[in-house]
Amino acid sequence: MNDRIRTDVAHNARVWNYWLGGKDNYPVDRAVGDQVTGFYPSIGEVARADRAFLGRAVTFLAADAGVRQFLDIGTGLPTADNTHEVAQRVAPDSRIVYVDNDPIVLTHARALLTSAPEGVTDYVDADAHEPDKILAAAGATLDLSRPVAVMMLGILNFVLDTAKARSIVRTLMDAVPSGSHLVLTHPTLEPELGGEGNKAAMAFWNENATPPITARSRTEFVSFLDGLDILEPGVLSCSRWRATAEGAPVVAQFGAVGRKP
């Protein structure tokens, strides 16, 4: 497995970990992370806002929507308040399946993502481009005839073709029943969220790190939620979604939760 780990090329999971203040990264990740920050100084805020959004969304789904099953695709490296920790804090019997295809993430996940005794936590080594494989593997832990929250935070931006990204979402949501939810975040260049600085940062990233990334417009982001009821407060900066603190800084990352009717 370790022959898949490249320490000479920056990788998203490790750079994201660096921006969140973690230690599971290499010099190349920190160097690229610092360069990206130079282009786009608020990228650390984006990373932290995305993580805080996860906590609020999972808390809402477990506490208010009664969701007990979570399929978290594009897990990234474990940090504080992972999906299972947030969900099982509310409902200890929650079942969580994490999905990622990075070998470092796999190693850490198996060691650290341990479930509450009443619930279940599992890990699937798969790529977001393979929704059928994800569903087949997740079905060993989750009951796909009962509502599932499909979590896709900062992952569709690595699916460069928008039609393909929509197809992936459609395949996943077609496989889960009414009452299931889709939780999304995605970077944007739209000036309403201050996304102009993302352009140079993403160009630098795509030349110096892996995997390549793309931004999307509000219209493209909303298209991923086609057929779902978009829950209040709608589509907005993920930092503002059900935020409790007044005046949370806007970040160039859309966030939304949709419910399958």
Protein backbone atom coordinates (compact mmCIF):
# COMPACT_ATOMS: atom_id res chain seq x y z
CA MET A 1 0.00 0.00 0.00
CA ASN A 2 2.78 2.45 0.89
CA ASP A 3 4.12 2.45 -2.66
CA ARG A 4 1.13 4.70 -3.46
CA ILE A 5 2.36 7.35 -1.02
CA ARG A 6 4.23 10.13 -2.82
CA THR A 7 6.25 12.40 -0.55
CA ASP A 8 7.68 14.46 -3.41
CA VAL A 9 4.33 15.81 -4.68
CA ALA A 10 1.88 17.75 -2.53
CA HIS A 11 -1.41 15.98 -1.95
CA ASN A 12 -4.74 17.57 -1.11
CA ALA A 13 -5.51 15.52 2.02
CA ARG A 14 -2.15 16.41 3.57
CA VAL A 15 -2.18 20.08 2.53
CA TRP A 16 -5.71 20.41 3.93
CA ASN A 17 -4.43 18.81 7.15
CA TYR A 18 -1.65 21.43 7.24
CA TRP A 19 -4.12 24.30 6.80
CA LEU A 20 -6.16 22.87 9.68
CA GLY A 21 -3.08 22.89 11.90
CA GLY A 22 -2.44 19.14 11.77
CA LYS A 23 0.87 17.27 11.70
CA ASP A 24 0.13 14.59 9.09
CA ASN A 25 1.91 16.27 6.19
CA TYR A 26 5.31 16.50 4.51
CA PRO A 27 7.61 19.44 3.68
CA VAL A 28 6.30 19.50 0.10
CA ASP A 29 2.73 19.80 1.40
CA ARG A 30 3.65 22.68 3.69
CA ALA A 31 5.57 24.44 0.91
CA VAL A 32 2.70 24.21 -1.54
CA GLY A 33 0.22 25.10 1.20
CA ASP A 34 2.21 28.26 1.97
CA GLN A 35 2.41 29.14 -1.72
CA VAL A 36 -1.35 28.75 -2.15
CA THR A 37 -1.89 30.88 0.94
CA GLY A 38 0.27 33.54 -0.69
CA PHE A 39 -2.07 33.60 -3.67
CA TYR A 40 -5.21 33.28 -1.57
CA PRO A 41 -4.63 34.32 2.06
CA SER A 42 -8.06 33.18 3.26
CA ILE A 43 -7.58 29.51 2.25
CA GLY A 44 -6.99 28.56 5.89
CA GLU A 45 -10.33 30.16 6.76
CA VAL A 46 -11.95 28.13 3.99
CA ALA A 47 -10.55 24.89 5.43
CA ARG A 48 -11.71 25.74 8.93
CA ALA A 49 -15.13 26.92 7.72
CA ASP A 50 -15.63 23.72 5.75
CA ARG A 51 -14.82 21.66 8.84
CA ALA A 52 -17.15 23.71 11.03
CA PHE A 53 -19.91 23.32 8.42
CA LEU A 54 -19.50 19.53 8.67
CA GLY A 55 -20.07 19.72 12.41
CA ARG A 56 -23.20 21.85 12.11
CA ALA A 57 -24.65 19.80 9.25
CA VAL A 58 -24.10 16.44 10.94
CA THR A 59 -25.46 17.75 14.25
CA PHE A 60 -28.58 19.03 12.48
CA LEU A 61 -29.08 15.76 10.59
CA ALA A 62 -28.62 13.57 13.66
CA ALA A 63 -30.50 15.76 16.15
CA ASP A 64 -33.27 17.38 14.06
CA ALA A 65 -33.68 15.14 11.00
CA GLY A 66 -33.24 11.84 12.84
CA VAL A 67 -30.58 10.53 10.43
CA ARG A 68 -28.64 7.56 11.76
CA GLN A 69 -26.58 6.59 8.70
CA PHE A 70 -23.81 8.67 7.10
CA LEU A 71 -21.79 7.99 3.96
CA ASP A 72 -18.83 10.39 4.07
CA ILE A 73 -17.08 10.47 0.68
CA GLY A 74 -13.69 12.15 0.52
CA THR A 75 -13.01 11.80 4.21
CA GLY A 76 -9.56 13.35 4.30
CA LEU A 77 -7.20 12.89 7.21
CA PRO A 78 -8.87 12.48 10.61
CA THR A 79 -8.93 15.60 12.76
CA ALA A 80 -11.14 16.92 15.55
CA ASP A 81 -14.89 16.31 15.34
CA ASN A 82 -14.98 13.77 12.53
CA THR A 83 -18.39 12.78 11.17
CA HIS A 84 -18.81 9.73 13.43
CA GLU A 85 -17.80 11.68 16.53
CA VAL A 86 -20.33 14.41 15.85
CA ALA A 87 -23.13 11.99 14.90
CA GLN A 88 -22.51 9.56 17.77
CA ARG A 89 -22.37 12.41 20.26
CA VAL A 90 -26.02 13.00 19.37
CA ALA A 91 -27.01 9.40 18.61
CA PRO A 92 -24.50 6.76 19.75
CA ASP A 93 -26.10 4.12 17.50
CA SER A 94 -25.24 6.07 14.31
CA ARG A 95 -23.53 4.10 11.55
CA ILE A 96 -20.85 5.82 9.47
CA VAL A 97 -18.95 4.71 6.38
CA TYR A 98 -15.95 6.78 5.37
CA VAL A 99 -14.71 6.70 1.77
CA ASP A 100 -11.31 7.86 0.52
CA ASN A 101 -8.65 6.56 -1.86
CA ASP A 102 -5.52 8.03 -0.31
CA PRO A 103 -3.26 5.45 1.40
CA ILE A 104 -2.24 7.82 4.19
CA VAL A 105 -5.91 8.55 4.91
CA LEU A 106 -6.60 4.79 4.91
CA THR A 107 -3.83 4.14 7.43
CA HIS A 108 -4.97 6.89 9.79
CA ALA A 109 -8.64 6.10 9.40
CA ARG A 110 -8.22 2.49 10.44
CA ALA A 111 -6.27 3.56 13.50
CA LEU A 112 -8.30 6.58 14.60
CA LEU A 113 -11.85 6.40 13.29
CA THR A 114 -13.20 4.13 15.98
CA SER A 115 -16.90 3.91 16.71
CA ALA A 116 -18.92 4.26 19.87
CA PRO A 117 -19.87 0.76 21.11
CA GLU A 118 -23.53 1.22 20.14
CA GLY A 119 -22.75 2.29 16.58
CA VAL A 120 -20.55 1.27 13.68
CA THR A 121 -17.74 3.00 11.80
CA ASP A 122 -16.28 1.50 8.64
CA TYR A 123 -13.89 2.60 5.92
CA VAL A 124 -14.04 2.01 2.16
CA ASP A 125 -10.96 2.43 -0.02
CA ALA A 126 -12.54 3.80 -3.21
CA ASP A 127 -12.48 6.76 -5.56
CA ALA A 128 -15.33 9.25 -5.81
CA HIS A 129 -15.42 8.50 -9.54
CA GLU A 130 -16.67 4.98 -8.67
CA PRO A 131 -20.13 5.48 -7.09
CA ASP A 132 -21.29 1.93 -7.82
CA LYS A 133 -18.24 0.49 -6.05
CA ILE A 134 -18.83 2.86 -3.13
CA LEU A 135 -22.47 1.82 -2.82
CA ALA A 136 -21.69 -1.90 -3.02
CA ALA A 137 -19.08 -1.62 -0.28
CA ALA A 138 -21.12 0.74 1.91
CA GLY A 139 -24.07 -1.65 1.72
CA ALA A 140 -22.16 -4.06 3.97
CA THR A 141 -22.47 -1.56 6.84
CA LEU A 142 -25.38 0.72 5.94
CA ASP A 143 -28.97 -0.30 5.27
CA LEU A 144 -29.55 1.47 1.95
CA SER A 145 -33.30 0.93 2.28
CA ARG A 146 -33.28 3.43 5.15
CA PRO A 147 -32.33 7.14 4.97
CA VAL A 148 -28.66 7.96 4.51
CA ALA A 149 -26.85 11.29 4.64
CA VAL A 150 -24.43 11.36 1.71
CA MET A 151 -21.58 13.72 2.63
CA MET A 152 -19.55 15.20 -0.24
CA LEU A 153 -17.57 18.05 1.30
CA GLY A 154 -14.93 19.51 -0.98
CA ILE A 155 -14.82 16.40 -3.17
CA LEU A 156 -16.76 17.17 -6.37
CA ASN A 157 -14.19 19.86 -7.15
CA PHE A 158 -11.82 16.98 -7.94
CA VAL A 159 -14.26 15.65 -10.56
CA LEU A 160 -13.30 18.02 -13.34
CA ASP A 161 -16.15 17.24 -15.74
CA THR A 162 -19.38 18.76 -14.43
CA ALA A 163 -21.64 16.28 -16.26
CA LYS A 164 -19.65 13.42 -14.72
CA ALA A 165 -19.91 15.02 -11.27
CA ARG A 166 -23.69 15.32 -11.68
CA SER A 167 -23.87 11.68 -12.77
CA ILE A 168 -21.95 10.58 -9.66
CA VAL A 169 -24.33 12.48 -7.39
CA ARG A 170 -27.36 11.12 -9.24
CA THR A 171 -26.11 7.52 -8.94
CA LEU A 172 -25.56 7.92 -5.20
CA MET A 173 -28.87 9.62 -4.49
CA ASP A 174 -30.86 7.22 -6.70
CA ALA A 175 -29.59 4.39 -4.49
CA VAL A 176 -30.94 5.83 -1.22
CA PRO A 177 -34.59 6.28 -0.19
CA SER A 178 -36.84 9.23 0.53
CA GLY A 179 -35.68 11.07 3.64
CA SER A 180 -32.02 10.76 2.66
CA HIS A 181 -29.88 13.89 2.50
CA LEU A 182 -27.03 15.25 0.39
CA VAL A 183 -24.49 17.47 2.13
CA LEU A 184 -22.24 19.48 -0.21
CA THR A 185 -19.48 22.06 -0.14
CA HIS A 186 -17.60 23.28 -3.20
CA PRO A 187 -15.12 26.10 -3.99
CA THR A 188 -16.13 28.90 -6.32
CA LEU A 189 -14.64 31.87 -8.13
CA GLU A 190 -17.81 33.90 -7.75
CA PRO A 191 -17.07 37.42 -6.49
CA GLU A 192 -20.11 37.43 -4.18
CA LEU A 193 -18.16 35.05 -1.94
CA GLY A 194 -14.78 36.66 -2.58
CA GLY A 195 -13.71 33.88 -4.90
CA GLU A 196 -11.61 35.92 -7.32
CA GLY A 197 -8.42 35.03 -5.43
CA ASN A 198 -9.12 31.35 -5.94
CA LYS A 199 -8.23 31.55 -9.64
CA ALA A 200 -4.47 32.03 -9.30
CA ALA A 201 -4.33 29.69 -6.30
CA MET A 202 -6.07 26.88 -8.22
CA ALA A 203 -3.83 27.39 -11.26
CA PHE A 204 -0.77 27.07 -9.03
CA TRP A 205 -2.25 24.00 -7.34
CA ASN A 206 -2.92 22.24 -10.62
CA GLU A 207 0.68 22.79 -11.71
CA ASN A 208 2.28 21.70 -8.43
CA ALA A 209 0.01 19.28 -6.57
CA THR A 210 -2.46 16.45 -6.92
CA PRO A 211 -5.27 15.77 -7.64
CA PRO A 212 -6.26 18.61 -9.98
CA ILE A 213 -9.12 20.84 -8.88
CA THR A 214 -11.82 23.03 -10.40
CA ALA A 215 -14.17 25.73 -9.12
CA ARG A 216 -17.86 25.98 -10.04
CA SER A 217 -20.50 28.66 -10.26
CA ARG A 218 -23.61 28.89 -8.10
CA THR A 219 -25.69 27.53 -11.01
CA GLU A 220 -23.40 24.53 -11.43
CA PHE A 221 -23.37 23.90 -7.68
CA VAL A 222 -27.17 24.06 -7.46
CA SER A 223 -27.43 21.56 -10.34
CA PHE A 224 -25.96 18.88 -8.05
CA LEU A 225 -29.06 19.30 -5.87
CA ASP A 226 -31.56 18.80 -8.71
CA GLY A 227 -34.58 16.79 -7.52
CA LEU A 228 -33.86 17.48 -3.86
CA ASP A 229 -35.49 19.92 -1.45
CA ILE A 230 -32.80 22.43 -0.52
CA LEU A 231 -33.08 22.99 3.21
CA GLU A 232 -32.98 26.41 4.85
CA PRO A 233 -31.01 28.62 4.77
CA GLY A 234 -30.39 27.53 1.17
CA VAL A 235 -27.17 27.82 -0.85
CA LEU A 236 -24.65 30.22 0.66
CA SER A 237 -21.09 30.41 1.93
CA CYS A 238 -20.54 27.29 4.04
CA SER A 239 -19.35 29.54 6.88
CA ARG A 240 -22.83 31.08 7.09
CA TRP A 241 -24.91 27.87 6.88
CA ARG A 242 -26.84 27.72 10.19
CA ALA A 243 -23.97 29.58 11.82
CA THR A 244 -24.56 30.50 15.43
CA ALA A 245 -21.94 33.26 15.58
CA GLU A 246 -23.01 36.63 14.21
CA GLY A 247 -20.98 37.94 11.30
CA ALA A 248 -19.06 34.76 10.41
CA PRO A 249 -16.63 35.71 7.63
CA VAL A 250 -17.79 34.74 4.15
CA VAL A 251 -15.53 32.18 2.43
CA ALA A 252 -15.46 31.20 -1.25
CA GLN A 253 -16.96 27.79 -0.60
CA PHE A 254 -20.62 27.06 -1.24
CA GLY A 255 -22.44 24.92 1.29
CA ALA A 256 -25.91 23.34 1.20
CA VAL A 257 -27.97 20.41 2.41
CA GLY A 258 -30.67 18.82 0.25
CA ARG A 259 -33.33 16.31 1.28
CA LYS A 260 -34.67 13.60 -1.04
CA PRO A 261 -38.46 13.92 -1.09
